[in-house]
Amino acid sequence: MRNPVPALKGVYAPHAAARTPTLPRLRHAATAIAVICATVIVCGFCAEVALRFTTIRPRRWGWVGQNPNRPSSNFQPDRYTGWRLWPYRSIVWAGGKTYRSNSQGFRADSEFASSDPRFKIAFVGDSYTFGYGVSYQETFPALVEKDSNSRIASWNFGMPAFGVDQIWLSARHQALPLGPQLLVVGLVDIDFPRSQVSYRLAEGFNKPVFQLEGGRLVERTVEPPPNPVWRFFDKYSRLWGAEEIAMRWVGTRFPIGGFWSLNRAFIDALRDDCRRVGVPVLFIYIPIDTFHPFPALAAYMRRTGANYIDLTEVRPSPPGSTYLYLPADGHFSPAGHRYTANLVEQWLQTHPGVAPATTASGPANYRR
């Protein structure tokens, strides 16, 4: 009679061997994984070296609370927006121009008063609205006021280096409380990536920074330093910087991704603030001197029915876009401000329900 035990072993042993990797198989798998990892590391290293011969720079977002504010003779810290001009200052700055501020810390020759009997327009934006590189009288907000024969009061809340988040906060906390009858928002493509950082290295100031949580804007507070690996790549990796540029490229063309979603939330919030206080808002897309369009922004404005002027879509086109910008700078030249003022005035003329028809006298076509 046969012993049943060997028979059982004979039945199950082949299946157990089939399920148990042999040592050569383990070595083969480990080798394959090592080759893949080495390939990724070598490719990443080669990409980092190659990117050092381009204009791409590391991302350097940092974290909230990483740096203290630096003392500035031009700007003071602002609890809402990060910074604004020191009050009652007259400084010689960019391009040798003189920049004067009123008591409220904005570029103006007079105070912004709610009691002003004229039709009041508040302008918010970055250095293009502020008028970097040109005299105050040459800025497009000042030209709109001048062309109206004193029927319009233009309040210029524009501030250099502002992002879309700061433009929204400036409208909410500084412009709208003074009771303007129209808000004009200047948006430049470079304003959008500024919303993602908490510290502006060039200006030396911290600024508010937000994140989306469940579709709501939540301000980020002081954060502990991230892990050393994250800090190293954030500070030195051009490959990480290239990835961020790629995400921005996608976000400007298609309404997808975190870059677009965050900035859209700021624009939504700004429109909601205006709607609550009954102030109409006009958006102006101002391209930098490369004159690139912003398809995602234009599609958003059309879809939501917003009042919108896009300098890249205006027809007839301006007589040579380079003429609108300062040489070797990229900010608006006096001609660029003149051109934008004309567009605002044309919009006012065609929207008599927003402003009195007599408030704007500038021609619709281009003029110097």
Protein backbone atom coordinates (compact mmCIF):
# COMPACT_ATOMS: atom_id res chain seq x y z
CA MET A 1 0.00 0.00 0.00
CA ARG A 2 1.33 3.39 -0.98
CA ASN A 3 2.14 6.04 1.55
CA PRO A 4 -0.28 8.98 0.90
CA VAL A 5 2.11 11.63 2.11
CA PRO A 6 4.58 11.50 -0.80
CA ALA A 7 1.61 11.48 -3.15
CA LEU A 8 0.33 14.73 -1.61
CA LYS A 9 3.76 16.26 -1.90
CA GLY A 10 3.92 15.26 -5.51
CA VAL A 11 0.60 17.00 -6.20
CA TYR A 12 1.27 20.34 -4.48
CA ALA A 13 5.04 20.83 -4.86
CA PRO A 14 4.94 21.89 -8.55
CA HIS A 15 2.26 24.53 -7.85
CA ALA A 16 4.19 25.94 -4.90
CA ALA A 17 7.29 26.21 -7.04
CA ALA A 18 5.31 28.01 -9.73
CA ARG A 19 4.07 30.58 -7.20
CA THR A 20 7.44 31.16 -5.55
CA PRO A 21 9.89 33.39 -7.52
CA THR A 22 13.24 31.82 -7.87
CA LEU A 23 16.40 33.71 -6.96
CA PRO A 24 17.34 34.38 -10.61
CA ARG A 25 13.92 35.92 -11.20
CA LEU A 26 14.34 38.21 -8.22
CA ARG A 27 17.72 39.28 -9.45
CA HIS A 28 16.31 39.97 -12.93
CA ALA A 29 13.48 42.12 -11.49
CA ALA A 30 15.88 44.03 -9.25
CA THR A 31 18.20 44.67 -12.18
CA ALA A 32 15.35 45.94 -14.33
CA ILE A 33 14.16 48.30 -11.59
CA ALA A 34 17.72 49.56 -11.05
CA VAL A 35 18.15 50.21 -14.79
CA ILE A 36 14.87 52.15 -14.93
CA CYS A 37 15.81 54.26 -11.89
CA ALA A 38 19.28 54.94 -13.26
CA THR A 39 17.82 55.93 -16.62
CA VAL A 40 15.40 58.37 -14.98
CA ILE A 41 18.19 59.90 -12.88
CA VAL A 42 20.56 60.24 -15.86
CA CYS A 43 17.83 61.76 -18.05
CA GLY A 44 16.86 64.17 -15.29
CA PHE A 45 20.48 65.17 -14.75
CA CYS A 46 21.02 65.72 -18.49
CA ALA A 47 17.84 67.80 -18.65
CA GLU A 48 19.00 69.93 -15.71
CA VAL A 49 22.34 70.55 -17.43
CA ALA A 50 20.70 71.39 -20.75
CA LEU A 51 18.21 73.78 -19.14
CA ARG A 52 21.11 75.78 -17.69
CA PHE A 53 21.77 77.01 -21.20
CA THR A 54 18.22 78.40 -21.49
CA THR A 55 16.35 81.25 -19.82
CA ILE A 56 14.38 78.83 -17.63
CA ARG A 57 15.01 79.37 -13.95
CA PRO A 58 14.15 77.36 -10.83
CA ARG A 59 10.62 77.80 -9.55
CA ARG A 60 11.51 79.22 -6.10
CA TRP A 61 8.02 79.48 -4.69
CA GLY A 62 9.25 79.13 -1.14
CA TRP A 63 6.72 78.88 1.67
CA VAL A 64 4.64 81.28 3.74
CA GLY A 65 6.77 82.95 6.39
CA GLN A 66 10.11 82.02 4.84
CA ASN A 67 11.40 85.59 4.47
CA PRO A 68 10.91 88.84 6.38
CA ASN A 69 9.98 92.08 4.61
CA ARG A 70 12.91 94.22 3.53
CA PRO A 71 12.97 97.96 4.31
CA SER A 72 11.98 100.05 1.28
CA SER A 73 12.14 103.76 0.60
CA ASN A 74 9.34 103.46 -1.98
CA PHE A 75 6.83 101.03 -0.50
CA GLN A 76 5.29 100.35 2.89
CA PRO A 77 3.74 97.06 4.04
CA ASP A 78 0.00 96.81 3.55
CA ARG A 79 -2.07 94.39 5.59
CA TYR A 80 -4.41 93.57 2.72
CA THR A 81 -2.33 93.60 -0.45
CA GLY A 82 1.28 93.23 0.72
CA TRP A 83 2.56 96.73 -0.11
CA ARG A 84 1.69 100.20 -1.39
CA LEU A 85 3.49 103.51 -1.73
CA TRP A 86 4.53 105.52 1.26
CA PRO A 87 2.10 108.45 1.61
CA TYR A 88 3.05 111.94 0.48
CA ARG A 89 6.24 110.81 -1.26
CA SER A 90 7.85 112.16 -4.40
CA ILE A 91 10.47 109.73 -5.67
CA VAL A 92 12.59 109.53 -8.80
CA TRP A 93 12.43 105.92 -9.90
CA ALA A 94 12.10 103.85 -13.07
CA GLY A 95 13.20 105.67 -16.20
CA GLY A 96 14.09 108.75 -14.21
CA LYS A 97 10.41 109.60 -13.82
CA THR A 98 8.98 111.27 -10.73
CA TYR A 99 6.31 109.29 -8.89
CA ARG A 100 4.13 111.13 -6.38
CA SER A 101 1.75 109.53 -3.92
CA ASN A 102 -1.29 110.88 -2.11
CA SER A 103 -2.03 110.40 1.57
CA GLN A 104 -3.62 107.01 0.82
CA GLY A 105 -0.41 105.61 -0.66
CA PHE A 106 -1.39 105.55 -4.34
CA ARG A 107 0.02 107.27 -7.38
CA ALA A 108 -2.07 110.43 -7.65
CA ASP A 109 -1.85 114.19 -7.42
CA SER A 110 -4.96 114.38 -5.24
CA GLU A 111 -6.97 112.35 -2.72
CA PHE A 112 -9.57 109.75 -3.62
CA ALA A 113 -12.74 111.13 -2.06
CA SER A 114 -16.16 109.49 -2.03
CA SER A 115 -17.68 112.96 -1.95
CA ASP A 116 -16.25 113.85 -5.37
CA PRO A 117 -19.29 114.89 -7.48
CA ARG A 118 -17.78 113.60 -10.73
CA PHE A 119 -18.33 110.15 -12.22
CA LYS A 120 -15.81 108.06 -10.31
CA ILE A 121 -13.80 105.28 -11.96
CA ALA A 122 -11.43 103.14 -9.90
CA PHE A 123 -8.59 101.48 -11.81
CA VAL A 124 -6.88 98.44 -10.28
CA GLY A 125 -3.97 96.52 -11.75
CA ASP A 126 -0.21 96.13 -11.74
CA SER A 127 2.64 98.32 -13.03
CA TYR A 128 0.97 98.75 -16.44
CA THR A 129 -1.97 100.47 -14.76
CA PHE A 130 0.32 102.22 -12.28
CA GLY A 131 2.25 103.74 -15.19
CA TYR A 132 5.76 102.41 -14.68
CA GLY A 133 8.21 104.36 -16.84
CA VAL A 134 5.91 107.23 -17.83
CA SER A 135 4.74 110.44 -16.18
CA TYR A 136 1.47 110.44 -14.26
CA GLN A 137 -0.26 112.58 -16.89
CA GLU A 138 0.63 109.98 -19.55
CA THR A 139 -1.03 107.01 -17.79
CA PHE A 140 -4.26 105.73 -19.28
CA PRO A 141 -6.32 106.42 -16.10
CA ALA A 142 -5.13 110.04 -16.09
CA LEU A 143 -5.86 110.39 -19.81
CA VAL A 144 -9.43 109.14 -19.34
CA GLU A 145 -9.95 111.84 -16.73
CA LYS A 146 -8.33 114.54 -18.84
CA ASP A 147 -10.32 113.67 -21.97
CA SER A 148 -13.60 113.86 -20.05
CA ASN A 149 -13.25 117.62 -19.47
CA SER A 150 -13.39 117.10 -15.69
CA ARG A 151 -16.52 114.94 -15.81
CA ILE A 152 -14.63 111.85 -14.67
CA ALA A 153 -12.51 111.30 -11.57
CA SER A 154 -9.94 108.54 -12.20
CA TRP A 155 -8.59 106.79 -9.11
CA ASN A 156 -5.44 104.82 -9.90
CA PHE A 157 -4.98 101.96 -7.42
CA GLY A 158 -2.47 100.17 -9.69
CA MET A 159 0.65 98.92 -7.94
CA PRO A 160 3.89 97.49 -9.35
CA ALA A 161 4.35 93.70 -9.25
CA PHE A 162 0.78 92.91 -8.19
CA GLY A 163 -0.68 89.52 -9.00
CA VAL A 164 -4.29 88.70 -9.77
CA ASP A 165 -4.85 87.91 -6.08
CA GLN A 166 -3.58 91.34 -5.00
CA ILE A 167 -5.63 93.07 -7.69
CA TRP A 168 -8.74 91.42 -6.26
CA LEU A 169 -7.78 92.37 -2.71
CA SER A 170 -7.05 95.94 -3.77
CA ALA A 171 -10.52 96.19 -5.29
CA ARG A 172 -12.18 94.63 -2.23
CA HIS A 173 -10.40 96.54 0.53
CA GLN A 174 -9.25 99.78 -1.08
CA ALA A 175 -11.23 100.72 -4.18
CA LEU A 176 -14.81 99.52 -3.65
CA PRO A 177 -15.18 100.91 -0.09
CA LEU A 178 -14.75 104.42 -1.55
CA GLY A 179 -17.84 104.01 -3.71
CA PRO A 180 -16.68 104.22 -7.35
CA GLN A 181 -19.31 104.03 -10.06
CA LEU A 182 -17.17 101.84 -12.30
CA LEU A 183 -14.24 99.52 -11.65
CA VAL A 184 -11.68 98.98 -14.42
CA VAL A 185 -9.41 95.97 -13.94
CA GLY A 186 -6.14 95.75 -15.89
CA LEU A 187 -4.93 92.16 -16.20
CA VAL A 188 -1.50 91.33 -17.62
CA ASP A 189 -0.46 87.74 -18.37
CA ILE A 190 2.48 87.97 -15.95
CA ASP A 191 0.05 88.77 -13.11
CA PHE A 192 -1.26 85.20 -13.10
CA PRO A 193 1.85 83.29 -11.93
CA ARG A 194 2.41 85.94 -9.23
CA SER A 195 -0.69 84.62 -7.48
CA GLN A 196 1.16 81.41 -6.66
CA VAL A 197 3.97 82.89 -4.57
CA SER A 198 3.96 84.32 -1.04
CA TYR A 199 7.06 86.50 -1.31
CA ARG A 200 8.23 88.87 -4.02
CA LEU A 201 12.02 88.73 -4.08
CA ALA A 202 12.50 91.85 -6.24
CA GLU A 203 10.26 94.00 -4.07
CA GLY A 204 11.28 92.33 -0.80
CA PHE A 205 7.74 91.99 0.54
CA ASN A 206 5.49 89.19 1.69
CA LYS A 207 2.04 89.08 0.16
CA PRO A 208 -1.17 87.17 0.79
CA VAL A 209 -1.34 83.80 -0.92
CA PHE A 210 -4.34 81.50 -1.23
CA GLN A 211 -5.25 77.96 -2.06
CA LEU A 212 -8.49 76.35 -3.20
CA GLU A 213 -10.20 74.05 -0.71
CA GLY A 214 -13.47 72.61 -1.91
CA GLY A 215 -13.73 75.39 -4.46
CA ARG A 216 -13.27 78.12 -1.81
CA LEU A 217 -10.34 80.53 -1.54
CA VAL A 218 -8.55 79.99 1.76
CA GLU A 219 -5.62 82.16 2.77
CA ARG A 220 -2.49 80.27 3.68
CA THR A 221 -0.92 81.12 7.02
CA VAL A 222 2.68 80.78 8.22
CA GLU A 223 3.93 77.32 7.33
CA PRO A 224 6.72 75.14 8.73
CA PRO A 225 9.68 74.69 6.37
CA PRO A 226 9.11 71.84 3.87
CA ASN A 227 11.40 68.82 3.81
CA PRO A 228 14.99 69.32 2.55
CA VAL A 229 14.38 67.52 -0.75
CA TRP A 230 11.47 69.84 -1.64
CA ARG A 231 13.49 72.90 -0.66
CA PHE A 232 16.45 71.79 -2.78
CA PHE A 233 14.39 71.21 -5.91
CA ASP A 234 12.36 74.39 -5.39
CA LYS A 235 15.53 76.47 -5.15
CA TYR A 236 17.78 74.82 -7.70
CA SER A 237 15.84 72.60 -10.13
CA ARG A 238 15.36 74.10 -13.56
CA LEU A 239 13.52 70.95 -14.59
CA TRP A 240 10.92 71.69 -11.92
CA GLY A 241 10.80 75.25 -13.20
CA ALA A 242 10.25 73.97 -16.75
CA GLU A 243 7.38 71.79 -15.54
CA GLU A 244 5.74 74.83 -13.96
CA ILE A 245 6.15 76.85 -17.16
CA ALA A 246 4.50 74.01 -19.07
CA MET A 247 1.53 74.05 -16.65
CA ARG A 248 1.19 77.80 -17.13
CA TRP A 249 1.33 77.40 -20.90
CA VAL A 250 -1.51 74.90 -20.72
CA GLY A 251 -3.47 77.08 -18.28
CA THR A 252 -3.35 80.14 -20.54
CA ARG A 253 -4.69 78.20 -23.51
CA PHE A 254 -7.15 75.81 -21.90
CA PRO A 255 -9.28 76.40 -18.78
CA ILE A 256 -7.80 73.46 -16.90
CA GLY A 257 -5.25 72.83 -14.16
CA GLY A 258 -4.45 74.43 -10.83
CA PHE A 259 -2.82 77.50 -12.36
CA TRP A 260 -5.99 78.50 -14.20
CA SER A 261 -8.43 77.38 -11.48
CA LEU A 262 -6.78 79.47 -8.78
CA ASN A 263 -6.69 82.66 -10.83
CA ARG A 264 -10.22 82.14 -12.12
CA ALA A 265 -11.35 81.98 -8.49
CA PHE A 266 -9.84 85.42 -7.88
CA ILE A 267 -11.64 86.88 -10.88
CA ASP A 268 -14.88 85.24 -9.77
CA ALA A 269 -14.45 86.70 -6.29
CA LEU A 270 -13.77 90.17 -7.70
CA ARG A 271 -16.90 90.02 -9.84
CA ASP A 272 -18.94 88.84 -6.85
CA ASP A 273 -17.66 91.74 -4.74
CA CYS A 274 -18.67 94.23 -7.45
CA ARG A 275 -22.06 92.60 -7.84
CA ARG A 276 -22.76 92.85 -4.11
CA VAL A 277 -22.17 96.61 -4.05
CA GLY A 278 -23.74 97.28 -7.45
CA VAL A 279 -20.59 98.49 -9.21
CA PRO A 280 -20.12 97.45 -12.86
CA VAL A 281 -16.69 96.13 -13.76
CA LEU A 282 -14.72 96.32 -17.00
CA PHE A 283 -11.79 93.95 -17.55
CA ILE A 284 -8.90 94.82 -19.87
CA TYR A 285 -6.40 92.19 -20.98
CA ILE A 286 -3.02 93.87 -21.50
CA PRO A 287 -0.42 91.63 -23.16
CA ILE A 288 3.27 92.19 -22.59
CA ASP A 289 5.32 93.32 -25.58
CA THR A 290 5.26 89.87 -27.18
CA PHE A 291 1.53 90.54 -27.72
CA HIS A 292 0.53 86.94 -27.01
CA PRO A 293 -3.20 86.25 -26.61
CA PHE A 294 -4.73 84.60 -23.53
CA PRO A 295 -7.33 82.18 -24.98
CA ALA A 296 -8.48 80.75 -21.63
CA LEU A 297 -9.16 84.22 -20.22
CA ALA A 298 -10.95 85.38 -23.37
CA ALA A 299 -13.14 82.24 -23.35
CA TYR A 300 -13.98 82.79 -19.68
CA MET A 301 -15.00 86.41 -20.30
CA ARG A 302 -17.23 85.43 -23.23
CA ARG A 303 -18.80 82.53 -21.36
CA THR A 304 -19.65 84.65 -18.30
CA GLY A 305 -20.78 87.68 -20.30
CA ALA A 306 -18.24 89.98 -18.62
CA ASN A 307 -17.42 93.45 -19.89
CA TYR A 308 -14.08 92.83 -21.56
CA ILE A 309 -11.51 94.53 -23.77
CA ASP A 310 -8.73 92.35 -25.16
CA LEU A 311 -5.89 94.32 -26.77
CA THR A 312 -4.96 91.27 -28.85
CA GLU A 313 -8.47 91.06 -30.30
CA VAL A 314 -9.09 94.73 -31.03
CA ARG A 315 -9.77 95.48 -34.68
CA PRO A 316 -8.28 97.32 -36.38
CA SER A 317 -5.06 96.32 -34.73
CA PRO A 318 -2.73 99.01 -33.36
CA PRO A 319 -0.11 100.34 -35.80
CA GLY A 320 2.72 98.03 -34.80
CA SER A 321 2.46 96.56 -31.30
CA THR A 322 6.09 97.35 -30.48
CA TYR A 323 5.24 101.04 -30.69
CA LEU A 324 3.01 100.60 -27.64
CA TYR A 325 5.89 99.58 -25.37
CA LEU A 326 8.99 101.20 -23.96
CA PRO A 327 12.19 100.01 -25.66
CA ALA A 328 14.14 97.39 -23.70
CA ASP A 329 11.53 97.48 -20.94
CA GLY A 330 8.23 95.98 -22.01
CA HIS A 331 5.93 98.36 -20.12
CA PHE A 332 3.51 100.65 -21.89
CA SER A 333 5.00 103.65 -23.65
CA PRO A 334 2.97 106.89 -23.71
CA ALA A 335 1.49 105.60 -26.99
CA GLY A 336 0.40 102.38 -25.27
CA HIS A 337 -1.34 104.33 -22.53
CA ARG A 338 -2.95 106.60 -25.11
CA TYR A 339 -4.21 103.59 -27.06
CA THR A 340 -5.67 101.93 -23.95
CA ALA A 341 -7.32 105.16 -22.80
CA ASN A 342 -9.00 105.43 -26.20
CA LEU A 343 -10.39 101.91 -25.84
CA VAL A 344 -11.80 102.67 -22.38
CA GLU A 345 -13.36 105.86 -23.69
CA GLN A 346 -14.87 104.03 -26.65
CA TRP A 347 -16.35 101.45 -24.28
CA LEU A 348 -17.88 104.23 -22.15
CA GLN A 349 -19.42 105.80 -25.23
CA THR A 350 -21.04 102.52 -26.26
CA HIS A 351 -22.35 101.77 -22.75
CA PRO A 352 -24.36 104.85 -21.81
CA GLY A 353 -26.16 102.85 -19.12
CA VAL A 354 -22.91 102.60 -17.17
CA ALA A 355 -21.61 106.16 -17.54
CA PRO A 356 -23.15 109.37 -18.85
CA ALA A 357 -22.66 109.58 -22.61
CA THR A 358 -20.88 112.91 -22.24
CA THR A 359 -18.17 111.61 -19.92
CA ALA A 360 -15.85 110.29 -22.63
CA SER A 361 -14.70 112.38 -25.55
CA GLY A 362 -11.74 110.38 -26.89
CA PRO A 363 -12.03 108.97 -30.41
CA ALA A 364 -12.59 105.31 -31.00
CA ASN A 365 -9.68 104.91 -33.41
CA TYR A 366 -5.99 105.07 -32.60
CA ARG A 367 -4.28 108.40 -32.09
CA ARG A 368 -1.03 109.51 -30.57
